[in-house]
Amino acid sequence: MAKGIRFTNREMRYIALFESITGATVRDCIIDDKANRVIFVIKEGDAGMAIGKRGKNITLLERMTGKRHEIIEYSDNPVQFIKNALKPARVREVRIIERLNGKSIAIISVDPRDKGIAIGRNGRNAERIRFLAKRYFQIDNISIT
């Protein structure tokens, strides 16, 4: 489990359900009621197991809960984590810059054809990566170019 992150009873129920169906190890769970989705950050290398053959695990979970399920593979490397979080968008480069005021910003360059995927409908994907980058790596802001 992630360090310093506390889970609510509701998040613990989602984690238990996800792990029992997929066999993958969950590091974090974020329930986004506004977007009707649950975001799981899973152990590195568990993505295939979590999704299941032809997406059967995700389909089953979504049917059971009535919410969309998004899976992100964790990485200790912030650049790789950001790339994982933006899949299936093709990320060209991720630069993390430390500002003079001590705040960090991630500048993400994606293939122009994938910019819409990276940002997401109404900026949902950009909001998700901004939240996760802050939660795990203390990156204060992101910019997708």
N, C-alpha and C. Protein backbone atom coordinates (compact mmCIF):
# COMPACT_ATOMS: atom_id res chain seq x y z
N MET A 1 0.84 -1.19 0.00
CA MET A 1 0.00 0.00 0.00
C MET A 1 0.87 1.25 0.00
N ALA A 2 0.29 2.34 -0.41
CA ALA A 2 1.04 3.60 -0.51
C ALA A 2 1.31 4.16 0.88
N LYS A 3 2.48 4.79 1.02
CA LYS A 3 2.86 5.36 2.31
C LYS A 3 2.05 6.62 2.60
N GLY A 4 1.57 6.75 3.83
CA GLY A 4 0.91 7.96 4.27
C GLY A 4 -0.48 8.18 3.68
N ILE A 5 -0.99 7.23 2.94
CA ILE A 5 -2.32 7.37 2.36
C ILE A 5 -3.29 6.53 3.17
N ARG A 6 -4.34 7.18 3.64
CA ARG A 6 -5.35 6.47 4.42
C ARG A 6 -6.57 6.22 3.55
N PHE A 7 -7.14 5.04 3.71
CA PHE A 7 -8.29 4.67 2.91
C PHE A 7 -9.56 4.72 3.74
N THR A 8 -10.67 5.13 3.10
CA THR A 8 -11.97 5.09 3.76
C THR A 8 -12.49 3.66 3.66
N ASN A 9 -13.55 3.36 4.39
CA ASN A 9 -14.16 2.03 4.32
C ASN A 9 -14.63 1.72 2.90
N ARG A 10 -15.17 2.73 2.24
CA ARG A 10 -15.64 2.55 0.87
C ARG A 10 -14.49 2.20 -0.07
N GLU A 11 -13.37 2.89 0.06
CA GLU A 11 -12.20 2.58 -0.77
C GLU A 11 -11.67 1.18 -0.46
N MET A 12 -11.67 0.79 0.79
CA MET A 12 -11.21 -0.55 1.17
C MET A 12 -12.10 -1.63 0.54
N ARG A 13 -13.40 -1.38 0.46
CA ARG A 13 -14.30 -2.34 -0.18
C ARG A 13 -14.00 -2.47 -1.67
N TYR A 14 -13.75 -1.33 -2.33
CA TYR A 14 -13.40 -1.37 -3.75
C TYR A 14 -12.07 -2.11 -3.96
N ILE A 15 -11.10 -1.87 -3.10
CA ILE A 15 -9.80 -2.54 -3.21
C ILE A 15 -9.97 -4.05 -3.04
N ALA A 16 -10.72 -4.46 -2.02
CA ALA A 16 -10.94 -5.89 -1.77
C ALA A 16 -11.63 -6.55 -2.96
N LEU A 17 -12.64 -5.90 -3.51
CA LEU A 17 -13.35 -6.45 -4.67
C LEU A 17 -12.41 -6.56 -5.87
N PHE A 18 -11.66 -5.50 -6.13
CA PHE A 18 -10.73 -5.47 -7.27
C PHE A 18 -9.69 -6.57 -7.14
N GLU A 19 -9.07 -6.70 -5.97
CA GLU A 19 -8.02 -7.71 -5.77
C GLU A 19 -8.58 -9.12 -5.85
N SER A 20 -9.78 -9.34 -5.34
CA SER A 20 -10.34 -10.70 -5.37
C SER A 20 -10.70 -11.13 -6.80
N ILE A 21 -11.13 -10.20 -7.63
CA ILE A 21 -11.50 -10.55 -9.00
C ILE A 21 -10.28 -10.64 -9.91
N THR A 22 -9.32 -9.71 -9.75
CA THR A 22 -8.21 -9.64 -10.69
C THR A 22 -6.95 -10.38 -10.24
N GLY A 23 -6.73 -10.46 -8.94
CA GLY A 23 -5.49 -11.04 -8.43
C GLY A 23 -4.33 -10.05 -8.43
N ALA A 24 -4.57 -8.82 -8.91
CA ALA A 24 -3.54 -7.78 -8.93
C ALA A 24 -3.46 -7.09 -7.57
N THR A 25 -2.30 -6.52 -7.26
CA THR A 25 -2.09 -5.83 -5.99
C THR A 25 -2.34 -4.34 -6.16
N VAL A 26 -3.24 -3.79 -5.35
CA VAL A 26 -3.60 -2.38 -5.41
C VAL A 26 -2.75 -1.59 -4.43
N ARG A 27 -2.17 -0.50 -4.92
CA ARG A 27 -1.39 0.42 -4.07
C ARG A 27 -2.24 1.59 -3.60
N ASP A 28 -3.21 1.97 -4.43
CA ASP A 28 -4.03 3.14 -4.12
C ASP A 28 -5.36 3.03 -4.85
N CYS A 29 -6.37 3.67 -4.29
CA CYS A 29 -7.70 3.68 -4.87
C CYS A 29 -8.28 5.07 -4.68
N ILE A 30 -8.73 5.68 -5.76
CA ILE A 30 -9.35 6.99 -5.69
C ILE A 30 -10.74 6.87 -6.29
N ILE A 31 -11.76 7.22 -5.53
CA ILE A 31 -13.13 7.18 -6.00
C ILE A 31 -13.49 8.60 -6.43
N ASP A 32 -13.81 8.77 -7.70
CA ASP A 32 -14.16 10.06 -8.27
C ASP A 32 -15.65 10.03 -8.62
N ASP A 33 -16.50 10.42 -7.67
CA ASP A 33 -17.94 10.38 -7.89
C ASP A 33 -18.39 11.38 -8.95
N LYS A 34 -17.69 12.50 -9.04
CA LYS A 34 -18.04 13.54 -10.01
C LYS A 34 -17.95 12.99 -11.44
N ALA A 35 -16.91 12.20 -11.71
CA ALA A 35 -16.72 11.61 -13.05
C ALA A 35 -17.23 10.17 -13.12
N ASN A 36 -17.84 9.67 -12.05
CA ASN A 36 -18.36 8.30 -11.97
C ASN A 36 -17.31 7.26 -12.34
N ARG A 37 -16.14 7.37 -11.69
CA ARG A 37 -15.06 6.43 -11.99
C ARG A 37 -14.29 6.10 -10.71
N VAL A 38 -13.59 4.97 -10.78
CA VAL A 38 -12.69 4.56 -9.70
C VAL A 38 -11.32 4.37 -10.35
N ILE A 39 -10.31 5.00 -9.76
CA ILE A 39 -8.95 4.92 -10.29
C ILE A 39 -8.14 4.03 -9.36
N PHE A 40 -7.56 2.99 -9.92
CA PHE A 40 -6.71 2.09 -9.15
C PHE A 40 -5.26 2.28 -9.59
N VAL A 41 -4.38 2.48 -8.62
CA VAL A 41 -2.94 2.47 -8.89
C VAL A 41 -2.48 1.11 -8.41
N ILE A 42 -1.93 0.33 -9.35
CA ILE A 42 -1.58 -1.05 -9.05
C ILE A 42 -0.07 -1.25 -9.09
N LYS A 43 0.36 -2.37 -8.54
CA LYS A 43 1.78 -2.72 -8.50
C LYS A 43 2.32 -2.84 -9.92
N GLU A 44 3.57 -2.41 -10.08
CA GLU A 44 4.23 -2.47 -11.38
C GLU A 44 4.21 -3.91 -11.91
N GLY A 45 3.80 -4.06 -13.15
CA GLY A 45 3.77 -5.37 -13.79
C GLY A 45 2.45 -6.11 -13.67
N ASP A 46 1.48 -5.56 -12.95
CA ASP A 46 0.20 -6.25 -12.73
C ASP A 46 -0.91 -5.82 -13.69
N ALA A 47 -0.60 -4.95 -14.65
CA ALA A 47 -1.66 -4.40 -15.52
C ALA A 47 -2.38 -5.48 -16.32
N GLY A 48 -1.63 -6.38 -16.93
CA GLY A 48 -2.25 -7.43 -17.72
C GLY A 48 -3.18 -8.30 -16.90
N MET A 49 -2.73 -8.65 -15.72
CA MET A 49 -3.54 -9.48 -14.82
C MET A 49 -4.79 -8.71 -14.39
N ALA A 50 -4.65 -7.42 -14.13
CA ALA A 50 -5.77 -6.61 -13.67
C ALA A 50 -6.84 -6.47 -14.75
N ILE A 51 -6.41 -6.25 -15.97
CA ILE A 51 -7.36 -6.05 -17.07
C ILE A 51 -8.03 -7.36 -17.45
N GLY A 52 -7.26 -8.44 -17.49
CA GLY A 52 -7.81 -9.75 -17.85
C GLY A 52 -7.86 -9.92 -19.35
N LYS A 53 -8.04 -11.16 -19.76
CA LYS A 53 -8.10 -11.47 -21.19
C LYS A 53 -9.29 -10.75 -21.82
N ARG A 54 -8.99 -9.95 -22.86
CA ARG A 54 -9.99 -9.15 -23.58
C ARG A 54 -10.76 -8.21 -22.65
N GLY A 55 -10.14 -7.81 -21.54
CA GLY A 55 -10.76 -6.84 -20.63
C GLY A 55 -11.87 -7.38 -19.77
N LYS A 56 -11.92 -8.71 -19.61
CA LYS A 56 -13.06 -9.31 -18.88
C LYS A 56 -13.13 -8.88 -17.42
N ASN A 57 -11.98 -8.71 -16.76
CA ASN A 57 -12.01 -8.29 -15.34
C ASN A 57 -12.59 -6.90 -15.18
N ILE A 58 -12.15 -5.98 -16.03
CA ILE A 58 -12.65 -4.61 -15.95
C ILE A 58 -14.13 -4.56 -16.27
N THR A 59 -14.54 -5.28 -17.29
CA THR A 59 -15.95 -5.32 -17.67
C THR A 59 -16.80 -5.84 -16.52
N LEU A 60 -16.36 -6.90 -15.88
CA LEU A 60 -17.09 -7.47 -14.74
C LEU A 60 -17.17 -6.47 -13.59
N LEU A 61 -16.06 -5.84 -13.25
CA LEU A 61 -16.05 -4.85 -12.16
C LEU A 61 -16.97 -3.68 -12.47
N GLU A 62 -16.94 -3.21 -13.70
CA GLU A 62 -17.78 -2.07 -14.08
C GLU A 62 -19.26 -2.43 -14.01
N ARG A 63 -19.59 -3.66 -14.41
CA ARG A 63 -20.98 -4.12 -14.31
C ARG A 63 -21.41 -4.21 -12.85
N MET A 64 -20.52 -4.70 -12.00
CA MET A 64 -20.86 -4.90 -10.58
C MET A 64 -21.03 -3.57 -9.84
N THR A 65 -20.19 -2.58 -10.17
CA THR A 65 -20.19 -1.32 -9.41
C THR A 65 -20.94 -0.19 -10.09
N GLY A 66 -21.14 -0.29 -11.39
CA GLY A 66 -21.80 0.79 -12.11
C GLY A 66 -20.90 2.00 -12.34
N LYS A 67 -19.59 1.83 -12.15
CA LYS A 67 -18.63 2.91 -12.35
C LYS A 67 -17.57 2.47 -13.35
N ARG A 68 -16.95 3.46 -14.03
CA ARG A 68 -15.81 3.16 -14.90
C ARG A 68 -14.60 2.87 -14.01
N HIS A 69 -13.77 1.95 -14.44
CA HIS A 69 -12.56 1.62 -13.69
C HIS A 69 -11.34 1.95 -14.54
N GLU A 70 -10.42 2.72 -13.97
CA GLU A 70 -9.19 3.08 -14.65
C GLU A 70 -8.03 2.51 -13.87
N ILE A 71 -7.07 1.97 -14.61
CA ILE A 71 -5.92 1.31 -13.99
C ILE A 71 -4.65 2.02 -14.41
N ILE A 72 -3.81 2.30 -13.42
CA ILE A 72 -2.51 2.92 -13.67
C ILE A 72 -1.46 2.08 -12.97
N GLU A 73 -0.43 1.71 -13.71
CA GLU A 73 0.68 0.96 -13.12
C GLU A 73 1.59 1.92 -12.38
N TYR A 74 1.92 1.60 -11.14
CA TYR A 74 2.79 2.44 -10.34
C TYR A 74 4.24 2.28 -10.78
N SER A 75 5.03 3.35 -10.59
CA SER A 75 6.47 3.31 -10.79
C SER A 75 7.09 4.30 -9.82
N ASP A 76 8.25 3.94 -9.25
CA ASP A 76 8.96 4.86 -8.36
C ASP A 76 9.54 6.05 -9.13
N ASN A 77 9.71 5.88 -10.43
CA ASN A 77 10.24 6.93 -11.29
C ASN A 77 9.08 7.83 -11.73
N PRO A 78 9.09 9.13 -11.37
CA PRO A 78 7.96 10.00 -11.72
C PRO A 78 7.71 10.11 -13.23
N VAL A 79 8.77 10.08 -14.03
CA VAL A 79 8.61 10.17 -15.49
C VAL A 79 7.85 8.94 -16.00
N GLN A 80 8.25 7.76 -15.55
CA GLN A 80 7.57 6.53 -15.98
C GLN A 80 6.14 6.48 -15.45
N PHE A 81 5.92 6.94 -14.23
CA PHE A 81 4.58 6.95 -13.65
C PHE A 81 3.65 7.84 -14.48
N ILE A 82 4.14 9.01 -14.88
CA ILE A 82 3.33 9.92 -15.69
C ILE A 82 3.02 9.28 -17.05
N LYS A 83 4.01 8.62 -17.64
CA LYS A 83 3.77 7.92 -18.91
C LYS A 83 2.71 6.83 -18.74
N ASN A 84 2.80 6.08 -17.66
CA ASN A 84 1.82 5.02 -17.39
C ASN A 84 0.42 5.61 -17.22
N ALA A 85 0.34 6.74 -16.53
CA ALA A 85 -0.96 7.36 -16.25
C ALA A 85 -1.61 7.93 -17.50
N LEU A 86 -0.81 8.25 -18.51
CA LEU A 86 -1.35 8.83 -19.73
C LEU A 86 -1.62 7.81 -20.83
N LYS A 87 -1.32 6.54 -20.58
CA LYS A 87 -1.59 5.52 -21.60
C LYS A 87 -3.07 5.52 -21.93
N PRO A 88 -3.45 5.37 -23.16
CA PRO A 88 -2.72 4.94 -24.34
C PRO A 88 -2.09 6.07 -25.16
N ALA A 89 -2.12 7.30 -24.67
CA ALA A 89 -1.50 8.41 -25.40
C ALA A 89 0.01 8.15 -25.53
N ARG A 90 0.55 8.49 -26.68
CA ARG A 90 1.99 8.33 -26.90
C ARG A 90 2.72 9.55 -26.36
N VAL A 91 3.46 9.34 -25.28
CA VAL A 91 4.19 10.43 -24.63
C VAL A 91 5.58 10.50 -25.24
N ARG A 92 5.94 11.66 -25.75
CA ARG A 92 7.26 11.84 -26.34
C ARG A 92 8.32 12.12 -25.28
N GLU A 93 7.97 13.01 -24.33
CA GLU A 93 8.95 13.42 -23.33
C GLU A 93 8.24 13.94 -22.09
N VAL A 94 8.87 13.71 -20.94
CA VAL A 94 8.40 14.27 -19.68
C VAL A 94 9.60 14.95 -19.02
N ARG A 95 9.47 16.24 -18.78
CA ARG A 95 10.53 16.98 -18.08
C ARG A 95 9.95 17.50 -16.77
N ILE A 96 10.69 17.28 -15.70
CA ILE A 96 10.27 17.78 -14.40
C ILE A 96 11.23 18.90 -14.02
N ILE A 97 10.67 20.08 -13.81
CA ILE A 97 11.46 21.27 -13.55
C ILE A 97 11.18 21.76 -12.14
N GLU A 98 12.25 22.01 -11.41
CA GLU A 98 12.16 22.58 -10.06
C GLU A 98 12.24 24.10 -10.19
N ARG A 99 11.21 24.80 -9.76
CA ARG A 99 11.17 26.26 -9.83
C ARG A 99 11.97 26.86 -8.67
N LEU A 100 12.32 28.14 -8.81
CA LEU A 100 13.07 28.84 -7.76
C LEU A 100 12.30 28.91 -6.45
N ASN A 101 10.98 28.96 -6.53
CA ASN A 101 10.16 29.01 -5.32
C ASN A 101 10.00 27.64 -4.66
N GLY A 102 10.68 26.62 -5.20
CA GLY A 102 10.64 25.28 -4.61
C GLY A 102 9.55 24.38 -5.15
N LYS A 103 8.68 24.91 -5.99
CA LYS A 103 7.61 24.10 -6.56
C LYS A 103 8.09 23.39 -7.81
N SER A 104 7.54 22.21 -8.06
CA SER A 104 7.91 21.42 -9.24
C SER A 104 6.79 21.46 -10.26
N ILE A 105 7.18 21.41 -11.53
CA ILE A 105 6.21 21.34 -12.61
C ILE A 105 6.67 20.27 -13.59
N ALA A 106 5.72 19.52 -14.12
CA ALA A 106 6.03 18.50 -15.13
C ALA A 106 5.52 19.00 -16.47
N ILE A 107 6.41 19.05 -17.43
CA ILE A 107 6.03 19.44 -18.79
C ILE A 107 6.02 18.16 -19.62
N ILE A 108 4.84 17.83 -20.14
CA ILE A 108 4.64 16.57 -20.84
C ILE A 108 4.38 16.87 -22.31
N SER A 109 5.21 16.28 -23.16
CA SER A 109 5.05 16.43 -24.60
C SER A 109 4.47 15.14 -25.15
N VAL A 110 3.31 15.25 -25.78
CA VAL A 110 2.65 14.08 -26.36
C VAL A 110 2.56 14.22 -27.87
N ASP A 111 2.39 13.11 -28.54
CA ASP A 111 2.18 13.11 -29.99
C ASP A 111 0.95 13.98 -30.26
N PRO A 112 1.02 14.91 -31.23
CA PRO A 112 -0.11 15.80 -31.50
C PRO A 112 -1.43 15.08 -31.74
N ARG A 113 -1.39 13.89 -32.33
CA ARG A 113 -2.62 13.13 -32.57
C ARG A 113 -3.23 12.61 -31.28
N ASP A 114 -2.43 12.53 -30.22
CA ASP A 114 -2.90 11.98 -28.94
C ASP A 114 -3.18 13.03 -27.89
N LYS A 115 -3.10 14.30 -28.27
CA LYS A 115 -3.30 15.36 -27.27
C LYS A 115 -4.70 15.29 -26.64
N GLY A 116 -5.70 14.99 -27.44
CA GLY A 116 -7.06 14.87 -26.93
C GLY A 116 -7.19 13.72 -25.93
N ILE A 117 -6.51 12.62 -26.21
CA ILE A 117 -6.53 11.47 -25.29
C ILE A 117 -5.86 11.85 -23.98
N ALA A 118 -4.72 12.54 -24.07
CA ALA A 118 -3.96 12.91 -22.87
C ALA A 118 -4.75 13.87 -21.98
N ILE A 119 -5.45 14.81 -22.60
CA ILE A 119 -6.21 15.79 -21.82
C ILE A 119 -7.53 15.20 -21.34
N GLY A 120 -8.19 14.44 -22.21
CA GLY A 120 -9.45 13.79 -21.84
C GLY A 120 -10.64 14.72 -21.97
N ARG A 121 -11.81 14.12 -21.95
CA ARG A 121 -13.05 14.89 -22.04
C ARG A 121 -13.17 15.81 -20.83
N ASN A 122 -13.38 17.08 -21.10
CA ASN A 122 -13.48 18.11 -20.06
C ASN A 122 -12.24 18.16 -19.16
N GLY A 123 -11.09 17.71 -19.68
CA GLY A 123 -9.84 17.77 -18.92
C GLY A 123 -9.72 16.73 -17.82
N ARG A 124 -10.55 15.68 -17.87
CA ARG A 124 -10.53 14.66 -16.80
C ARG A 124 -9.19 13.96 -16.65
N ASN A 125 -8.57 13.57 -17.76
CA ASN A 125 -7.30 12.86 -17.67
C ASN A 125 -6.20 13.77 -17.16
N ALA A 126 -6.20 15.02 -17.61
CA ALA A 126 -5.21 15.99 -17.12
C ALA A 126 -5.39 16.23 -15.62
N GLU A 127 -6.65 16.32 -15.19
CA GLU A 127 -6.94 16.50 -13.76
C GLU A 127 -6.46 15.29 -12.95
N ARG A 128 -6.69 14.10 -13.50
CA ARG A 128 -6.27 12.86 -12.82
C ARG A 128 -4.75 12.82 -12.65
N ILE A 129 -4.01 13.11 -13.71
CA ILE A 129 -2.55 13.04 -13.63
C ILE A 129 -2.02 14.15 -12.72
N ARG A 130 -2.64 15.31 -12.73
CA ARG A 130 -2.24 16.41 -11.84
C ARG A 130 -2.40 15.98 -10.38
N PHE A 131 -3.53 15.36 -10.06
CA PHE A 131 -3.80 14.89 -8.71
C PHE A 131 -2.79 13.82 -8.28
N LEU A 132 -2.55 12.83 -9.15
CA LEU A 132 -1.64 11.73 -8.81
C LEU A 132 -0.18 12.19 -8.71
N ALA A 133 0.24 13.09 -9.60
CA ALA A 133 1.62 13.60 -9.55
C ALA A 133 1.85 14.35 -8.24
N LYS A 134 0.86 15.08 -7.78
CA LYS A 134 0.98 15.80 -6.50
C LYS A 134 0.98 14.80 -5.34
N ARG A 135 0.12 13.81 -5.40
CA ARG A 135 -0.03 12.83 -4.32
C ARG A 135 1.23 11.99 -4.11
N TYR A 136 1.88 11.60 -5.21
CA TYR A 136 3.02 10.69 -5.10
C TYR A 136 4.38 11.35 -5.18
N PHE A 137 4.50 12.43 -5.94
CA PHE A 137 5.82 13.00 -6.19
C PHE A 137 5.95 14.48 -5.86
N GLN A 138 4.93 15.06 -5.22
CA GLN A 138 4.93 16.47 -4.84
C GLN A 138 5.19 17.38 -6.05
N ILE A 139 4.68 17.00 -7.20
CA ILE A 139 4.75 17.83 -8.39
C ILE A 139 3.51 18.71 -8.36
N ASP A 140 3.72 20.02 -8.32
CA ASP A 140 2.63 20.95 -8.07
C ASP A 140 1.72 21.18 -9.28
N ASN A 141 2.26 21.06 -10.49
CA ASN A 141 1.44 21.32 -11.66
C ASN A 141 1.99 20.53 -12.85
N ILE A 142 1.12 20.35 -13.84
CA ILE A 142 1.55 19.71 -15.08
C ILE A 142 1.11 20.56 -16.26
N SER A 143 1.83 20.43 -17.33
CA SER A 143 1.49 21.11 -18.57
C SER A 143 1.62 20.10 -19.70
N ILE A 144 0.54 19.91 -20.45
CA ILE A 144 0.57 18.97 -21.56
C ILE A 144 0.67 19.76 -22.85
N THR A 145 1.77 19.50 -23.58
CA THR A 145 1.99 20.22 -24.84
C THR A 145 2.01 19.27 -26.01
